[in-house]
Amino acid sequence: DSGYTKEEIKLMTEPNKIMNTNINISATAVRVPVVGGHSESVNVQFSNNFELNEVRKLLADSPGIVLQDNPDTLTYPMPRYAEGKDDVFVGRIRKDDTVENGLNLWIVADNLRKGAA
């Protein structure tokens, strides 16, 4: 037994199935009382260095993604923003100083409109 829940295993395997990749993913799933939606704290480690502005631009230019990332004005995704919408909301984009080439993201989506629902 790995100690991971079924939901965590799904979080770790589904992206590779969808993107046809072999990315190492570690996940922790926690249920919290919200009206609707899924929220995920995502940590990514790249092979190469990256620029945060490039990551933000790539996400902002991607169809189906809404970038909400302005810590100065406390603008970041919250589950209520995603309710009833097809878009995926991404914010709190920052370098992860605990690993080389690491990136942290906060992602929110309506699980009745995106995912396995």
Protein backbone atom coordinates (compact mmCIF):
# COMPACT_ATOMS: atom_id res chain seq x y z
CA ASP A 1 0.00 0.00 0.00
CA SER A 2 1.49 3.33 -1.11
CA GLY A 3 -0.58 5.41 1.31
CA TYR A 4 -2.15 7.39 -1.57
CA THR A 5 -5.94 7.59 -1.87
CA LYS A 6 -7.78 6.64 -5.08
CA GLU A 7 -8.35 10.34 -5.79
CA GLU A 8 -4.63 11.09 -5.39
CA ILE A 9 -3.68 8.22 -7.69
CA LYS A 10 -6.11 9.56 -10.27
CA LEU A 11 -4.56 13.03 -9.97
CA MET A 12 -1.13 11.52 -10.56
CA THR A 13 -2.05 9.33 -13.54
CA GLU A 14 -4.73 11.21 -15.50
CA PRO A 15 -2.52 14.07 -16.80
CA ASN A 16 -0.12 11.54 -18.35
CA LYS A 17 -3.01 9.74 -20.04
CA ILE A 18 -4.47 12.99 -21.38
CA MET A 19 -1.15 14.47 -22.58
CA ASN A 20 0.48 11.15 -23.54
CA THR A 21 3.50 11.95 -21.36
CA ASN A 22 5.45 10.34 -18.57
CA ILE A 23 5.64 13.13 -15.99
CA ASN A 24 6.33 12.29 -12.35
CA ILE A 25 3.46 13.71 -10.31
CA SER A 26 2.87 13.64 -6.57
CA ALA A 27 -0.54 14.68 -5.26
CA THR A 28 -2.42 15.24 -2.04
CA ALA A 29 -6.22 15.41 -2.21
CA VAL A 30 -8.18 16.99 0.61
CA ARG A 31 -11.96 17.36 0.70
CA VAL A 32 -13.17 20.74 1.89
CA PRO A 33 -16.74 22.04 1.99
CA VAL A 34 -17.35 24.19 -1.09
CA VAL A 35 -20.52 24.52 -3.13
CA GLY A 36 -18.85 23.34 -6.30
CA GLY A 37 -15.50 22.96 -7.93
CA HIS A 38 -12.08 21.48 -7.49
CA SER A 39 -9.03 23.38 -6.30
CA GLU A 40 -5.49 22.10 -6.65
CA SER A 41 -2.12 23.25 -5.45
CA VAL A 42 0.21 22.09 -8.21
CA ASN A 43 3.99 21.86 -7.96
CA VAL A 44 5.96 21.27 -11.17
CA GLN A 45 9.67 20.63 -11.66
CA PHE A 46 11.03 21.33 -15.15
CA SER A 47 14.22 20.00 -16.72
CA ASN A 48 15.31 23.53 -17.63
CA ASN A 49 15.13 26.97 -16.07
CA PHE A 50 12.14 29.13 -17.02
CA GLU A 51 10.93 32.71 -16.75
CA LEU A 52 7.74 33.37 -14.79
CA ASN A 53 6.58 35.94 -17.34
CA GLU A 54 6.84 33.30 -20.09
CA VAL A 55 4.77 30.87 -18.02
CA ARG A 56 2.14 33.54 -17.37
CA LYS A 57 1.99 34.48 -21.07
CA LEU A 58 1.72 30.85 -22.15
CA LEU A 59 -1.15 30.27 -19.73
CA ALA A 60 -2.90 33.55 -20.59
CA ASP A 61 -2.73 32.71 -24.31
CA SER A 62 -4.05 29.15 -23.84
CA PRO A 63 -7.69 28.52 -24.78
CA GLY A 64 -9.86 27.54 -21.83
CA ILE A 65 -7.53 29.03 -19.22
CA VAL A 66 -8.24 32.23 -17.31
CA LEU A 67 -5.20 33.76 -15.65
CA GLN A 68 -5.99 35.37 -12.27
CA ASP A 69 -2.61 36.15 -10.80
CA ASN A 70 -2.04 39.47 -9.07
CA PRO A 71 -0.94 39.03 -5.43
CA ASP A 72 -0.77 42.83 -4.96
CA THR A 73 -4.55 43.08 -5.39
CA LEU A 74 -5.28 39.64 -3.89
CA THR A 75 -6.44 38.42 -7.30
CA TYR A 76 -6.28 34.64 -7.50
CA PRO A 77 -8.68 31.82 -8.38
CA MET A 78 -11.41 30.84 -5.95
CA PRO A 79 -13.93 28.01 -6.44
CA ARG A 80 -16.89 30.38 -6.65
CA TYR A 81 -15.35 32.03 -9.75
CA ALA A 82 -15.36 28.70 -11.57
CA GLU A 83 -18.93 27.62 -10.78
CA GLY A 84 -20.89 27.07 -13.98
CA LYS A 85 -17.94 27.90 -16.25
CA ASP A 86 -15.98 25.70 -18.63
CA ASP A 87 -12.72 27.58 -18.12
CA VAL A 88 -9.90 26.53 -15.79
CA PHE A 89 -8.67 29.36 -13.55
CA VAL A 90 -4.95 29.57 -12.74
CA GLY A 91 -3.07 31.84 -10.35
CA ARG A 92 -0.56 32.13 -7.50
CA ILE A 93 2.16 31.39 -10.08
CA ARG A 94 5.57 31.52 -8.46
CA LYS A 95 8.93 29.79 -8.43
CA ASP A 96 9.32 26.93 -5.97
CA ASP A 97 12.64 27.59 -4.25
CA THR A 98 12.69 24.14 -2.64
CA VAL A 99 13.56 22.36 -5.91
CA GLU A 100 15.61 23.26 -8.96
CA ASN A 101 13.44 24.68 -11.78
CA GLY A 102 10.32 24.37 -9.62
CA LEU A 103 6.99 26.11 -10.18
CA ASN A 104 3.91 26.43 -7.94
CA LEU A 105 0.39 27.04 -9.27
CA TRP A 106 -3.11 27.26 -7.81
CA ILE A 107 -5.78 25.85 -10.15
CA VAL A 108 -9.56 25.96 -9.81
CA ALA A 109 -12.27 24.46 -12.05
CA ASP A 110 -15.92 23.45 -11.90
CA ASN A 111 -15.70 19.68 -11.57
CA LEU A 112 -19.20 19.29 -13.05
CA ARG A 113 -17.98 20.91 -16.27
CA LYS A 114 -14.33 19.77 -16.39
CA GLY A 115 -12.86 16.41 -15.56
CA ALA A 116 -14.57 13.09 -15.03
CA ALA A 117 -18.09 14.37 -14.26
